Amino acid sequence: MDENVNKDLSKRAIEDYELVKQAKNGEQKAFTELMQRYRKPIRHMMYRMIKNREDADDLTQEAFTKAFNKIETYNPKFAFSTWLFRVASNNCIDFIRKKKLILLSIDDTIIDDDSDAFSESLKSANLDPEEQVIKQQRNRLIRNLMKHLGERYRLMIELRYFEEMTYNEIAQELDLPLGTVKAQLYRAKELLYTLMQTPTAKDHVDWKPKKKD
């Protein structure tokens, strides 16, 4: 056995390592075997993390691509499966973070949804004339799209976005658990983002969503 391999690895982990060595030598069959062994569990983990089948499929493929591109960094002191799952989960976390930033970019001034911090650019005194116009346009758009949200989501956006209340302040105002406030605000922003992607949304022309949440 290779002296670099952890002697406590399971039989399957040792088999994986043999396949990894073959894969490093460019043997496509070894790559294929490793993918067949772990595609389903990796995809299952991806789906559990993001709850979207198409994204889970894409992230699964990305995980294997990234793993194979940097397979030279794999340390045989650990099971290949452990390393592979770490690569996959880190890639998925990056995807979630990027998606979260997109959802939060309904207004660029919100800088951190896990805190009560807003950027100084929220204050109109710090905005130049062009930025003020852009913000006013965004506000009008959001006001218009809010009409298509359920009452609880409209209220959440109103308090957080327009009243600039913190999560704790909203929770106290509405007598709700802090976790409920965060969950409902996230859902409200997600719905707004979806509405904003509709081609006619920015035209404000007799457009209505297919279904109210």
N, C-alpha and C. Protein backbone atom coordinates (compact mmCIF):
# COMPACT_ATOMS: atom_id res chain seq x y z
N MET A 1 0.85 -1.20 0.00
CA MET A 1 0.00 0.00 0.00
C MET A 1 0.88 1.25 0.00
N ASP A 2 0.45 2.27 -0.70
CA ASP A 2 1.17 3.54 -0.74
C ASP A 2 1.39 4.05 0.68
N GLU A 3 2.63 4.46 0.99
CA GLU A 3 2.96 4.90 2.35
C GLU A 3 2.24 6.19 2.75
N ASN A 4 1.73 6.93 1.75
CA ASN A 4 1.03 8.18 2.05
C ASN A 4 -0.43 7.97 2.46
N VAL A 5 -0.89 6.74 2.25
CA VAL A 5 -2.30 6.45 2.52
C VAL A 5 -2.51 6.13 3.99
N ASN A 6 -3.57 6.68 4.53
CA ASN A 6 -3.94 6.41 5.92
C ASN A 6 -4.30 4.93 6.05
N LYS A 7 -3.61 4.22 6.94
CA LYS A 7 -3.83 2.79 7.09
C LYS A 7 -5.20 2.46 7.67
N ASP A 8 -5.86 3.46 8.27
CA ASP A 8 -7.16 3.23 8.89
C ASP A 8 -8.33 3.45 7.94
N LEU A 9 -8.03 3.78 6.69
CA LEU A 9 -9.11 3.98 5.73
C LEU A 9 -9.85 2.67 5.47
N SER A 10 -11.13 2.80 5.14
CA SER A 10 -11.94 1.62 4.84
C SER A 10 -11.50 1.01 3.51
N LYS A 11 -11.97 -0.20 3.25
CA LYS A 11 -11.63 -0.88 2.01
C LYS A 11 -12.11 -0.07 0.81
N ARG A 12 -13.30 0.49 0.91
CA ARG A 12 -13.84 1.29 -0.19
C ARG A 12 -13.00 2.55 -0.42
N ALA A 13 -12.56 3.18 0.68
CA ALA A 13 -11.75 4.39 0.57
C ALA A 13 -10.42 4.08 -0.11
N ILE A 14 -9.87 2.91 0.20
CA ILE A 14 -8.61 2.50 -0.43
C ILE A 14 -8.83 2.24 -1.92
N GLU A 15 -9.98 1.65 -2.25
CA GLU A 15 -10.32 1.43 -3.66
C GLU A 15 -10.45 2.78 -4.38
N ASP A 16 -11.06 3.75 -3.68
CA ASP A 16 -11.20 5.09 -4.27
C ASP A 16 -9.82 5.68 -4.56
N TYR A 17 -8.91 5.50 -3.63
CA TYR A 17 -7.58 6.08 -3.81
C TYR A 17 -6.88 5.47 -5.02
N GLU A 18 -7.07 4.17 -5.23
CA GLU A 18 -6.48 3.53 -6.39
C GLU A 18 -7.05 4.13 -7.67
N LEU A 19 -8.36 4.43 -7.64
CA LEU A 19 -9.00 5.06 -8.79
C LEU A 19 -8.47 6.49 -8.99
N VAL A 20 -8.25 7.18 -7.88
CA VAL A 20 -7.71 8.54 -7.95
C VAL A 20 -6.34 8.53 -8.61
N LYS A 21 -5.50 7.58 -8.23
CA LYS A 21 -4.16 7.50 -8.83
C LYS A 21 -4.26 7.26 -10.33
N GLN A 22 -5.20 6.40 -10.73
CA GLN A 22 -5.39 6.15 -12.15
C GLN A 22 -5.91 7.40 -12.86
N ALA A 23 -6.82 8.10 -12.16
CA ALA A 23 -7.37 9.32 -12.75
C ALA A 23 -6.28 10.37 -12.95
N LYS A 24 -5.36 10.45 -12.00
CA LYS A 24 -4.25 11.41 -12.11
C LYS A 24 -3.38 11.09 -13.33
N ASN A 25 -3.38 9.84 -13.71
CA ASN A 25 -2.60 9.42 -14.89
C ASN A 25 -3.40 9.57 -16.17
N GLY A 26 -4.59 10.17 -16.05
CA GLY A 26 -5.38 10.45 -17.24
C GLY A 26 -6.28 9.33 -17.70
N GLU A 27 -6.51 8.33 -16.87
CA GLU A 27 -7.38 7.22 -17.26
C GLU A 27 -8.85 7.62 -17.08
N GLN A 28 -9.55 7.83 -18.19
CA GLN A 28 -10.93 8.31 -18.16
C GLN A 28 -11.86 7.33 -17.46
N LYS A 29 -11.56 6.04 -17.58
CA LYS A 29 -12.39 5.02 -16.96
C LYS A 29 -12.42 5.21 -15.43
N ALA A 30 -11.31 5.63 -14.85
CA ALA A 30 -11.24 5.85 -13.41
C ALA A 30 -12.11 7.04 -13.01
N PHE A 31 -12.06 8.10 -13.80
CA PHE A 31 -12.92 9.26 -13.55
C PHE A 31 -14.39 8.83 -13.56
N THR A 32 -14.73 8.06 -14.57
CA THR A 32 -16.12 7.61 -14.73
C THR A 32 -16.56 6.77 -13.55
N GLU A 33 -15.69 5.89 -13.09
CA GLU A 33 -16.03 5.03 -11.95
C GLU A 33 -16.25 5.85 -10.69
N LEU A 34 -15.43 6.85 -10.46
CA LEU A 34 -15.59 7.70 -9.28
C LEU A 34 -16.90 8.49 -9.35
N MET A 35 -17.25 8.96 -10.53
CA MET A 35 -18.51 9.68 -10.71
C MET A 35 -19.71 8.77 -10.46
N GLN A 36 -19.62 7.56 -10.96
CA GLN A 36 -20.72 6.61 -10.77
C GLN A 36 -20.90 6.27 -9.29
N ARG A 37 -19.80 6.23 -8.56
CA ARG A 37 -19.87 5.90 -7.14
C ARG A 37 -20.53 7.00 -6.32
N TYR A 38 -20.28 8.25 -6.72
CA TYR A 38 -20.68 9.35 -5.83
C TYR A 38 -21.65 10.37 -6.43
N ARG A 39 -22.06 10.18 -7.66
CA ARG A 39 -22.98 11.15 -8.27
C ARG A 39 -24.29 11.25 -7.48
N LYS A 40 -24.91 10.12 -7.16
CA LYS A 40 -26.21 10.15 -6.47
C LYS A 40 -26.11 10.77 -5.08
N PRO A 41 -25.15 10.34 -4.23
CA PRO A 41 -25.08 10.96 -2.90
C PRO A 41 -24.72 12.44 -2.95
N ILE A 42 -23.87 12.83 -3.92
CA ILE A 42 -23.54 14.25 -4.05
C ILE A 42 -24.77 15.03 -4.47
N ARG A 43 -25.50 14.50 -5.43
CA ARG A 43 -26.71 15.20 -5.89
C ARG A 43 -27.74 15.29 -4.77
N HIS A 44 -27.85 14.23 -3.98
CA HIS A 44 -28.79 14.24 -2.86
C HIS A 44 -28.42 15.34 -1.87
N MET A 45 -27.13 15.49 -1.60
CA MET A 45 -26.68 16.54 -0.69
C MET A 45 -26.97 17.92 -1.28
N MET A 46 -26.73 18.09 -2.59
CA MET A 46 -26.99 19.37 -3.23
C MET A 46 -28.47 19.73 -3.14
N TYR A 47 -29.32 18.75 -3.39
CA TYR A 47 -30.76 19.02 -3.36
C TYR A 47 -31.22 19.37 -1.95
N ARG A 48 -30.67 18.69 -0.96
CA ARG A 48 -31.04 19.00 0.43
C ARG A 48 -30.63 20.42 0.80
N MET A 49 -29.56 20.91 0.20
CA MET A 49 -29.06 22.24 0.54
C MET A 49 -29.83 23.36 -0.17
N ILE A 50 -30.30 23.11 -1.40
CA ILE A 50 -30.91 24.21 -2.16
C ILE A 50 -32.35 23.96 -2.58
N LYS A 51 -32.84 22.71 -2.44
CA LYS A 51 -34.25 22.40 -2.72
C LYS A 51 -34.66 22.75 -4.16
N ASN A 52 -33.76 22.59 -5.10
CA ASN A 52 -34.08 22.85 -6.50
C ASN A 52 -33.39 21.79 -7.35
N ARG A 53 -34.16 21.02 -8.08
CA ARG A 53 -33.60 19.86 -8.80
C ARG A 53 -32.63 20.26 -9.91
N GLU A 54 -33.00 21.28 -10.70
CA GLU A 54 -32.13 21.69 -11.80
C GLU A 54 -30.81 22.24 -11.28
N ASP A 55 -30.89 23.10 -10.26
CA ASP A 55 -29.66 23.64 -9.67
C ASP A 55 -28.83 22.53 -9.05
N ALA A 56 -29.50 21.57 -8.44
CA ALA A 56 -28.78 20.44 -7.83
C ALA A 56 -28.02 19.65 -8.89
N ASP A 57 -28.64 19.45 -10.04
CA ASP A 57 -27.97 18.74 -11.13
C ASP A 57 -26.74 19.51 -11.60
N ASP A 58 -26.91 20.82 -11.79
CA ASP A 58 -25.80 21.65 -12.26
C ASP A 58 -24.65 21.67 -11.24
N LEU A 59 -25.02 21.80 -9.97
CA LEU A 59 -24.00 21.87 -8.93
C LEU A 59 -23.28 20.55 -8.75
N THR A 60 -23.99 19.46 -9.00
CA THR A 60 -23.35 18.13 -8.93
C THR A 60 -22.27 18.02 -10.00
N GLN A 61 -22.62 18.43 -11.22
CA GLN A 61 -21.64 18.38 -12.31
C GLN A 61 -20.47 19.30 -12.02
N GLU A 62 -20.76 20.48 -11.49
CA GLU A 62 -19.69 21.43 -11.15
C GLU A 62 -18.76 20.85 -10.08
N ALA A 63 -19.36 20.14 -9.12
CA ALA A 63 -18.56 19.57 -8.03
C ALA A 63 -17.53 18.59 -8.57
N PHE A 64 -17.95 17.72 -9.47
CA PHE A 64 -17.02 16.75 -10.04
C PHE A 64 -15.97 17.43 -10.92
N THR A 65 -16.41 18.43 -11.67
CA THR A 65 -15.46 19.15 -12.52
C THR A 65 -14.38 19.83 -11.68
N LYS A 66 -14.80 20.51 -10.61
CA LYS A 66 -13.84 21.18 -9.75
C LYS A 66 -12.93 20.18 -9.04
N ALA A 67 -13.52 19.09 -8.58
CA ALA A 67 -12.73 18.08 -7.88
C ALA A 67 -11.66 17.49 -8.80
N PHE A 68 -12.05 17.17 -10.01
CA PHE A 68 -11.09 16.56 -10.93
C PHE A 68 -10.04 17.56 -11.40
N ASN A 69 -10.44 18.85 -11.48
CA ASN A 69 -9.47 19.88 -11.90
C ASN A 69 -8.39 20.11 -10.86
N LYS A 70 -8.74 19.85 -9.60
CA LYS A 70 -7.73 20.05 -8.55
C LYS A 70 -7.48 18.77 -7.76
N ILE A 71 -7.57 17.66 -8.46
CA ILE A 71 -7.40 16.37 -7.81
C ILE A 71 -5.99 16.19 -7.25
N GLU A 72 -5.04 16.96 -7.78
CA GLU A 72 -3.67 16.88 -7.29
C GLU A 72 -3.57 17.33 -5.84
N THR A 73 -4.57 18.10 -5.37
CA THR A 73 -4.53 18.61 -4.00
C THR A 73 -5.13 17.62 -3.00
N TYR A 74 -5.70 16.53 -3.51
CA TYR A 74 -6.30 15.54 -2.61
C TYR A 74 -5.23 14.88 -1.74
N ASN A 75 -5.50 14.84 -0.45
CA ASN A 75 -4.57 14.24 0.52
C ASN A 75 -5.06 12.84 0.90
N PRO A 76 -4.32 11.80 0.55
CA PRO A 76 -4.75 10.42 0.81
C PRO A 76 -4.79 10.05 2.30
N LYS A 77 -4.43 11.00 3.16
CA LYS A 77 -4.59 10.75 4.59
C LYS A 77 -6.07 10.71 4.96
N PHE A 78 -6.89 11.26 4.06
CA PHE A 78 -8.33 11.30 4.29
C PHE A 78 -9.04 10.55 3.16
N ALA A 79 -10.23 10.10 3.44
CA ALA A 79 -11.01 9.39 2.42
C ALA A 79 -11.33 10.34 1.27
N PHE A 80 -11.28 9.82 0.05
CA PHE A 80 -11.61 10.64 -1.12
C PHE A 80 -13.03 11.16 -1.02
N SER A 81 -13.94 10.34 -0.52
CA SER A 81 -15.34 10.77 -0.42
C SER A 81 -15.48 11.99 0.49
N THR A 82 -14.72 12.01 1.59
CA THR A 82 -14.76 13.16 2.50
C THR A 82 -14.30 14.41 1.79
N TRP A 83 -13.21 14.30 1.06
CA TRP A 83 -12.66 15.43 0.31
C TRP A 83 -13.64 15.89 -0.76
N LEU A 84 -14.23 14.93 -1.48
CA LEU A 84 -15.16 15.25 -2.56
C LEU A 84 -16.40 15.97 -2.02
N PHE A 85 -16.94 15.47 -0.92
CA PHE A 85 -18.12 16.10 -0.33
C PHE A 85 -17.80 17.51 0.15
N ARG A 86 -16.58 17.72 0.63
CA ARG A 86 -16.20 19.07 1.07
C ARG A 86 -16.12 20.02 -0.12
N VAL A 87 -15.54 19.54 -1.23
CA VAL A 87 -15.48 20.36 -2.44
C VAL A 87 -16.89 20.71 -2.91
N ALA A 88 -17.78 19.71 -2.91
CA ALA A 88 -19.15 19.91 -3.37
C ALA A 88 -19.92 20.88 -2.47
N SER A 89 -19.78 20.69 -1.16
CA SER A 89 -20.53 21.54 -0.23
C SER A 89 -20.03 22.98 -0.27
N ASN A 90 -18.70 23.17 -0.39
CA ASN A 90 -18.16 24.52 -0.49
C ASN A 90 -18.64 25.22 -1.76
N ASN A 91 -18.70 24.46 -2.85
CA ASN A 91 -19.19 25.03 -4.11
C ASN A 91 -20.66 25.42 -3.98
N CYS A 92 -21.43 24.59 -3.29
CA CYS A 92 -22.85 24.87 -3.10
C CYS A 92 -23.04 26.10 -2.21
N ILE A 93 -22.24 26.21 -1.18
CA ILE A 93 -22.32 27.37 -0.28
C ILE A 93 -22.01 28.65 -1.06
N ASP A 94 -21.02 28.60 -1.95
CA ASP A 94 -20.70 29.76 -2.78
C ASP A 94 -21.90 30.13 -3.65
N PHE A 95 -22.56 29.11 -4.20
CA PHE A 95 -23.73 29.34 -5.04
C PHE A 95 -24.84 30.01 -4.24
N ILE A 96 -25.08 29.52 -3.02
CA ILE A 96 -26.13 30.08 -2.17
C ILE A 96 -25.82 31.53 -1.82
N ARG A 97 -24.56 31.81 -1.52
CA ARG A 97 -24.17 33.17 -1.18
C ARG A 97 -24.40 34.11 -2.35
N LYS A 98 -24.03 33.66 -3.55
CA LYS A 98 -24.21 34.50 -4.73
C LYS A 98 -25.70 34.74 -4.99
N LYS A 99 -26.50 33.70 -4.81
CA LYS A 99 -27.94 33.86 -5.03
C LYS A 99 -28.52 34.81 -4.00
N LYS A 100 -28.04 34.70 -2.76
CA LYS A 100 -28.52 35.58 -1.71
C LYS A 100 -28.19 37.02 -2.03
N LEU A 101 -26.99 37.28 -2.56
CA LEU A 101 -26.61 38.63 -2.92
C LEU A 101 -27.51 39.17 -4.02
N ILE A 102 -27.90 38.29 -4.95
CA ILE A 102 -28.80 38.71 -6.03
C ILE A 102 -30.15 39.09 -5.46
N LEU A 103 -30.65 38.29 -4.53
CA LEU A 103 -31.94 38.57 -3.91
C LEU A 103 -31.90 39.87 -3.14
N LEU A 104 -30.79 40.13 -2.48
CA LEU A 104 -30.66 41.34 -1.68
C LEU A 104 -30.42 42.57 -2.54
N SER A 105 -30.05 42.36 -3.82
CA SER A 105 -29.74 43.49 -4.66
C SER A 105 -30.97 44.17 -5.22
N ILE A 106 -32.16 43.81 -4.71
CA ILE A 106 -33.36 44.57 -5.03
C ILE A 106 -33.06 46.05 -4.82
N ASP A 107 -32.31 46.34 -3.76
CA ASP A 107 -31.76 47.68 -3.58
C ASP A 107 -30.31 47.51 -3.16
N ASP A 108 -29.39 48.15 -3.87
CA ASP A 108 -27.96 47.95 -3.63
C ASP A 108 -27.51 48.45 -2.27
N THR A 109 -28.35 49.23 -1.59
CA THR A 109 -27.90 49.82 -0.34
C THR A 109 -27.96 48.85 0.82
N ILE A 110 -28.69 47.74 0.68
CA ILE A 110 -28.72 46.75 1.75
C ILE A 110 -27.45 45.92 1.63
N ILE A 111 -26.60 45.96 2.65
CA ILE A 111 -25.29 45.34 2.50
C ILE A 111 -25.14 44.03 3.24
N ASP A 112 -26.01 43.76 4.19
CA ASP A 112 -25.83 42.54 4.97
C ASP A 112 -27.15 42.15 5.59
N ASP A 113 -27.77 41.09 5.05
CA ASP A 113 -29.09 40.69 5.53
C ASP A 113 -29.02 39.98 6.87
N ASP A 114 -27.81 39.66 7.35
CA ASP A 114 -27.69 38.99 8.63
C ASP A 114 -27.42 39.98 9.76
N SER A 115 -27.39 41.26 9.43
CA SER A 115 -27.19 42.27 10.45
C SER A 115 -28.21 43.37 10.23
N ASP A 116 -28.18 44.35 11.09
CA ASP A 116 -29.09 45.48 10.94
C ASP A 116 -28.38 46.68 10.35
N ALA A 117 -27.27 46.42 9.66
CA ALA A 117 -26.48 47.51 9.10
C ALA A 117 -26.96 47.85 7.70
N PHE A 118 -27.13 49.10 7.43
CA PHE A 118 -27.43 49.60 6.09
C PHE A 118 -26.30 50.54 5.68
N SER A 119 -26.04 50.60 4.39
CA SER A 119 -24.95 51.47 3.96
C SER A 119 -25.35 52.93 4.11
N GLU A 120 -24.35 53.77 4.20
CA GLU A 120 -24.62 55.20 4.37
C GLU A 120 -25.32 55.78 3.15
N SER A 121 -25.23 55.07 2.03
CA SER A 121 -25.85 55.60 0.83
C SER A 121 -27.37 55.60 0.91
N LEU A 122 -27.93 54.98 1.94
CA LEU A 122 -29.38 55.07 2.13
C LEU A 122 -29.80 56.50 2.40
N LYS A 123 -28.92 57.27 2.99
CA LYS A 123 -29.25 58.64 3.35
C LYS A 123 -29.17 59.51 2.10
N SER A 124 -30.27 60.14 1.75
CA SER A 124 -30.33 60.91 0.52
C SER A 124 -29.29 62.01 0.48
N ALA A 125 -28.86 62.48 1.65
CA ALA A 125 -27.87 63.55 1.69
C ALA A 125 -26.56 63.10 1.07
N ASN A 126 -26.32 61.81 1.05
CA ASN A 126 -25.07 61.29 0.51
C ASN A 126 -25.20 60.83 -0.94
N LEU A 127 -26.35 61.02 -1.54
CA LEU A 127 -26.55 60.59 -2.91
C LEU A 127 -26.43 61.78 -3.85
N ASP A 128 -25.74 61.56 -4.98
CA ASP A 128 -25.69 62.64 -5.96
C ASP A 128 -27.02 62.64 -6.72
N PRO A 129 -27.32 63.66 -7.52
CA PRO A 129 -28.62 63.75 -8.21
C PRO A 129 -28.98 62.52 -9.02
N GLU A 130 -28.00 61.95 -9.73
CA GLU A 130 -28.29 60.77 -10.54
C GLU A 130 -28.67 59.59 -9.66
N GLU A 131 -27.95 59.40 -8.56
CA GLU A 131 -28.25 58.30 -7.64
C GLU A 131 -29.62 58.48 -7.01
N GLN A 132 -29.99 59.73 -6.72
CA GLN A 132 -31.30 59.99 -6.15
C GLN A 132 -32.41 59.58 -7.11
N VAL A 133 -32.22 59.90 -8.39
CA VAL A 133 -33.22 59.54 -9.40
C VAL A 133 -33.33 58.03 -9.50
N ILE A 134 -32.19 57.34 -9.51
CA ILE A 134 -32.20 55.87 -9.60
C ILE A 134 -32.93 55.27 -8.40
N LYS A 135 -32.64 55.81 -7.20
CA LYS A 135 -33.29 55.29 -6.01
C LYS A 135 -34.79 55.54 -6.06
N GLN A 136 -35.19 56.71 -6.53
CA GLN A 136 -36.62 57.02 -6.63
C GLN A 136 -37.31 56.06 -7.61
N GLN A 137 -36.63 55.75 -8.72
CA GLN A 137 -37.19 54.82 -9.70
C GLN A 137 -37.35 53.43 -9.09
N ARG A 138 -36.35 53.01 -8.33
CA ARG A 138 -36.42 51.71 -7.68
C ARG A 138 -37.56 51.67 -6.68
N ASN A 139 -37.69 52.75 -5.92
CA ASN A 139 -38.76 52.82 -4.93
C ASN A 139 -40.13 52.71 -5.59
N ARG A 140 -40.30 53.41 -6.72
CA ARG A 140 -41.58 53.34 -7.43
C ARG A 140 -41.84 51.93 -7.94
N LEU A 141 -40.79 51.31 -8.47
CA LEU A 141 -40.94 49.95 -8.98
C LEU A 141 -41.34 49.00 -7.87
N ILE A 142 -40.63 49.09 -6.74
CA ILE A 142 -40.92 48.19 -5.62
C ILE A 142 -42.31 48.44 -5.06
N ARG A 143 -42.70 49.72 -4.97
CA ARG A 143 -44.06 50.04 -4.51
C ARG A 143 -45.10 49.39 -5.41
N ASN A 144 -44.86 49.44 -6.70
CA ASN A 144 -45.80 48.86 -7.65
C ASN A 144 -45.87 47.34 -7.51
N LEU A 145 -44.70 46.71 -7.40
CA LEU A 145 -44.67 45.25 -7.31
C LEU A 145 -45.19 44.74 -5.97
N MET A 146 -45.08 45.56 -4.94
CA MET A 146 -45.58 45.16 -3.62
C MET A 146 -47.08 44.88 -3.64
N LYS A 147 -47.79 45.50 -4.59
CA LYS A 147 -49.24 45.30 -4.67
C LYS A 147 -49.58 43.85 -4.95
N HIS A 148 -48.64 43.12 -5.52
CA HIS A 148 -48.89 41.74 -5.90
C HIS A 148 -48.47 40.75 -4.82
N LEU A 149 -47.99 41.25 -3.69
CA LEU A 149 -47.60 40.39 -2.57
C LEU A 149 -48.73 40.26 -1.57
N GLY A 150 -48.66 39.21 -0.78
CA GLY A 150 -49.62 39.05 0.31
C GLY A 150 -49.42 40.15 1.34
N GLU A 151 -50.42 40.37 2.16
CA GLU A 151 -50.39 41.48 3.11
C GLU A 151 -49.19 41.41 4.05
N ARG A 152 -48.88 40.21 4.55
CA ARG A 152 -47.79 40.10 5.52
C ARG A 152 -46.45 40.45 4.89
N TYR A 153 -46.27 40.09 3.60
CA TYR A 153 -45.02 40.40 2.92
C TYR A 153 -44.93 41.89 2.60
N ARG A 154 -46.06 42.50 2.23
CA ARG A 154 -46.06 43.94 1.98
C ARG A 154 -45.66 44.71 3.23
N LEU A 155 -46.20 44.26 4.36
CA LEU A 155 -45.89 44.93 5.61
C LEU A 155 -44.41 44.79 5.96
N MET A 156 -43.87 43.59 5.76
CA MET A 156 -42.47 43.36 6.06
C MET A 156 -41.55 44.27 5.23
N ILE A 157 -41.82 44.35 3.92
CA ILE A 157 -41.02 45.19 3.05
C ILE A 157 -41.17 46.66 3.43
N GLU A 158 -42.38 47.05 3.76
CA GLU A 158 -42.64 48.45 4.14
C GLU A 158 -41.80 48.83 5.37
N LEU A 159 -41.84 47.99 6.38
CA LEU A 159 -41.13 48.31 7.62
C LEU A 159 -39.62 48.25 7.45
N ARG A 160 -39.13 47.22 6.75
CA ARG A 160 -37.69 47.03 6.61
C ARG A 160 -37.08 47.99 5.59
N TYR A 161 -37.74 48.09 4.44
CA TYR A 161 -37.15 48.81 3.31
C TYR A 161 -37.42 50.31 3.39
N PHE A 162 -38.67 50.67 3.64
CA PHE A 162 -39.03 52.08 3.62
C PHE A 162 -38.92 52.75 4.99
N GLU A 163 -39.28 52.02 6.05
CA GLU A 163 -39.15 52.59 7.39
C GLU A 163 -37.76 52.37 7.97
N GLU A 164 -36.99 51.52 7.32
CA GLU A 164 -35.60 51.23 7.73
C GLU A 164 -35.51 50.71 9.16
N MET A 165 -36.48 49.91 9.55
CA MET A 165 -36.48 49.33 10.89
C MET A 165 -35.57 48.11 10.91
N THR A 166 -34.96 47.84 12.06
CA THR A 166 -34.12 46.66 12.21
C THR A 166 -35.02 45.44 12.38
N TYR A 167 -34.42 44.25 12.28
CA TYR A 167 -35.19 43.03 12.49
C TYR A 167 -35.79 43.00 13.89
N ASN A 168 -34.99 43.36 14.85
CA ASN A 168 -35.48 43.35 16.24
C ASN A 168 -36.65 44.31 16.41
N GLU A 169 -36.56 45.49 15.79
CA GLU A 169 -37.63 46.47 15.89
C GLU A 169 -38.91 45.96 15.24
N ILE A 170 -38.76 45.29 14.10
CA ILE A 170 -39.94 44.72 13.43
C ILE A 170 -40.56 43.63 14.28
N ALA A 171 -39.71 42.77 14.85
CA ALA A 171 -40.20 41.69 15.70
C ALA A 171 -40.99 42.25 16.89
N GLN A 172 -40.48 43.31 17.49
CA GLN A 172 -41.16 43.93 18.62
C GLN A 172 -42.45 44.61 18.18
N GLU A 173 -42.39 45.29 17.03
CA GLU A 173 -43.56 46.01 16.52
C GLU A 173 -44.71 45.06 16.21
N LEU A 174 -44.38 43.92 15.62
CA LEU A 174 -45.42 42.97 15.19
C LEU A 174 -45.63 41.84 16.19
N ASP A 175 -44.85 41.84 17.27
CA ASP A 175 -44.95 40.80 18.30
C ASP A 175 -44.75 39.41 17.67
N LEU A 176 -43.65 39.30 16.91
CA LEU A 176 -43.32 38.04 16.24
C LEU A 176 -41.93 37.59 16.67
N PRO A 177 -41.66 36.28 16.60
CA PRO A 177 -40.30 35.80 16.87
C PRO A 177 -39.34 36.37 15.83
N LEU A 178 -38.10 36.63 16.23
CA LEU A 178 -37.12 37.20 15.34
C LEU A 178 -36.89 36.29 14.11
N GLY A 179 -36.86 34.98 14.34
CA GLY A 179 -36.66 34.04 13.24
C GLY A 179 -37.77 34.13 12.20
N THR A 180 -39.00 34.34 12.66
CA THR A 180 -40.14 34.47 11.75
C THR A 180 -39.99 35.72 10.89
N VAL A 181 -39.56 36.80 11.51
CA VAL A 181 -39.37 38.06 10.78
C VAL A 181 -38.32 37.87 9.69
N LYS A 182 -37.19 37.25 10.02
CA LYS A 182 -36.13 37.04 9.04
C LYS A 182 -36.59 36.14 7.89
N ALA A 183 -37.32 35.08 8.24
CA ALA A 183 -37.79 34.15 7.21
C ALA A 183 -38.78 34.82 6.27
N GLN A 184 -39.71 35.60 6.83
CA GLN A 184 -40.72 36.26 6.00
C GLN A 184 -40.11 37.36 5.15
N LEU A 185 -39.13 38.06 5.68
CA LEU A 185 -38.47 39.09 4.89
C LEU A 185 -37.69 38.48 3.73
N TYR A 186 -37.02 37.38 4.01
CA TYR A 186 -36.28 36.71 2.94
C TYR A 186 -37.24 36.26 1.83
N ARG A 187 -38.36 35.68 2.25
CA ARG A 187 -39.35 35.22 1.27
C ARG A 187 -39.93 36.40 0.49
N ALA A 188 -40.18 37.50 1.16
CA ALA A 188 -40.72 38.68 0.51
C ALA A 188 -39.75 39.21 -0.55
N LYS A 189 -38.47 39.26 -0.20
CA LYS A 189 -37.46 39.73 -1.15
C LYS A 189 -37.33 38.76 -2.33
N GLU A 190 -37.43 37.48 -2.04
CA GLU A 190 -37.35 36.48 -3.09
C GLU A 190 -38.51 36.66 -4.08
N LEU A 191 -39.71 36.90 -3.55
CA LEU A 191 -40.88 37.11 -4.41
C LEU A 191 -40.71 38.39 -5.23
N LEU A 192 -40.24 39.45 -4.61
CA LEU A 192 -40.01 40.70 -5.33
C LEU A 192 -39.01 40.50 -6.46
N TYR A 193 -37.95 39.76 -6.15
CA TYR A 193 -36.94 39.51 -7.17
C TYR A 193 -37.54 38.77 -8.36
N THR A 194 -38.37 37.76 -8.07
CA THR A 194 -39.03 37.00 -9.13
C THR A 194 -39.92 37.91 -9.97
N LEU A 195 -40.67 38.78 -9.31
CA LEU A 195 -41.55 39.70 -10.03
C LEU A 195 -40.75 40.66 -10.91
N MET A 196 -39.59 41.07 -10.42
CA MET A 196 -38.77 42.02 -11.17
C MET A 196 -38.20 41.41 -12.44
N GLN A 197 -38.12 40.09 -12.48
CA GLN A 197 -37.58 39.42 -13.68
C GLN A 197 -38.61 39.31 -14.79
N THR A 198 -39.89 39.61 -14.49
CA THR A 198 -40.93 39.55 -15.51
C THR A 198 -40.72 40.70 -16.50
N PRO A 199 -40.68 40.39 -17.81
CA PRO A 199 -40.35 41.42 -18.82
C PRO A 199 -41.14 42.70 -18.70
N THR A 200 -42.44 42.63 -18.37
CA THR A 200 -43.28 43.83 -18.33
C THR A 200 -43.29 44.51 -16.98
N ALA A 201 -42.57 43.97 -16.01
CA ALA A 201 -42.65 44.51 -14.65
C ALA A 201 -42.25 45.98 -14.60
N LYS A 202 -41.15 46.32 -15.26
CA LYS A 202 -40.66 47.68 -15.16
C LYS A 202 -41.49 48.67 -15.96
N ASP A 203 -42.41 48.17 -16.79
CA ASP A 203 -43.26 49.07 -17.56
C ASP A 203 -44.53 49.45 -16.81
N HIS A 204 -44.82 48.71 -15.73
CA HIS A 204 -46.01 48.97 -14.92
C HIS A 204 -47.28 48.90 -15.77
N VAL A 205 -47.35 47.99 -16.72
CA VAL A 205 -48.48 47.95 -17.64
C VAL A 205 -49.36 46.74 -17.36
N ASP A 206 -50.50 46.98 -16.71
CA ASP A 206 -51.52 45.95 -16.50
C ASP A 206 -50.96 44.56 -16.34
N TRP A 207 -49.93 44.45 -15.57
CA TRP A 207 -49.32 43.12 -15.38
C TRP A 207 -49.69 42.59 -14.03
N LYS A 208 -50.05 41.31 -13.98
CA LYS A 208 -50.38 40.67 -12.72
C LYS A 208 -49.72 39.31 -12.70
N PRO A 209 -49.20 38.91 -11.55
CA PRO A 209 -48.59 37.57 -11.47
C PRO A 209 -49.64 36.50 -11.60
N LYS A 210 -49.20 35.32 -11.98
CA LYS A 210 -50.14 34.22 -12.14
C LYS A 210 -50.76 33.81 -10.82
N LYS A 211 -50.00 33.99 -9.75
CA LYS A 211 -50.47 33.48 -8.47
C LYS A 211 -49.95 34.33 -7.33
N LYS A 212 -50.78 34.67 -6.40
CA LYS A 212 -50.36 35.40 -5.21
C LYS A 212 -49.84 34.42 -4.20
N ASP A 213 -48.82 34.83 -3.49
CA ASP A 213 -48.31 33.98 -2.40
C ASP A 213 -49.04 34.35 -1.13
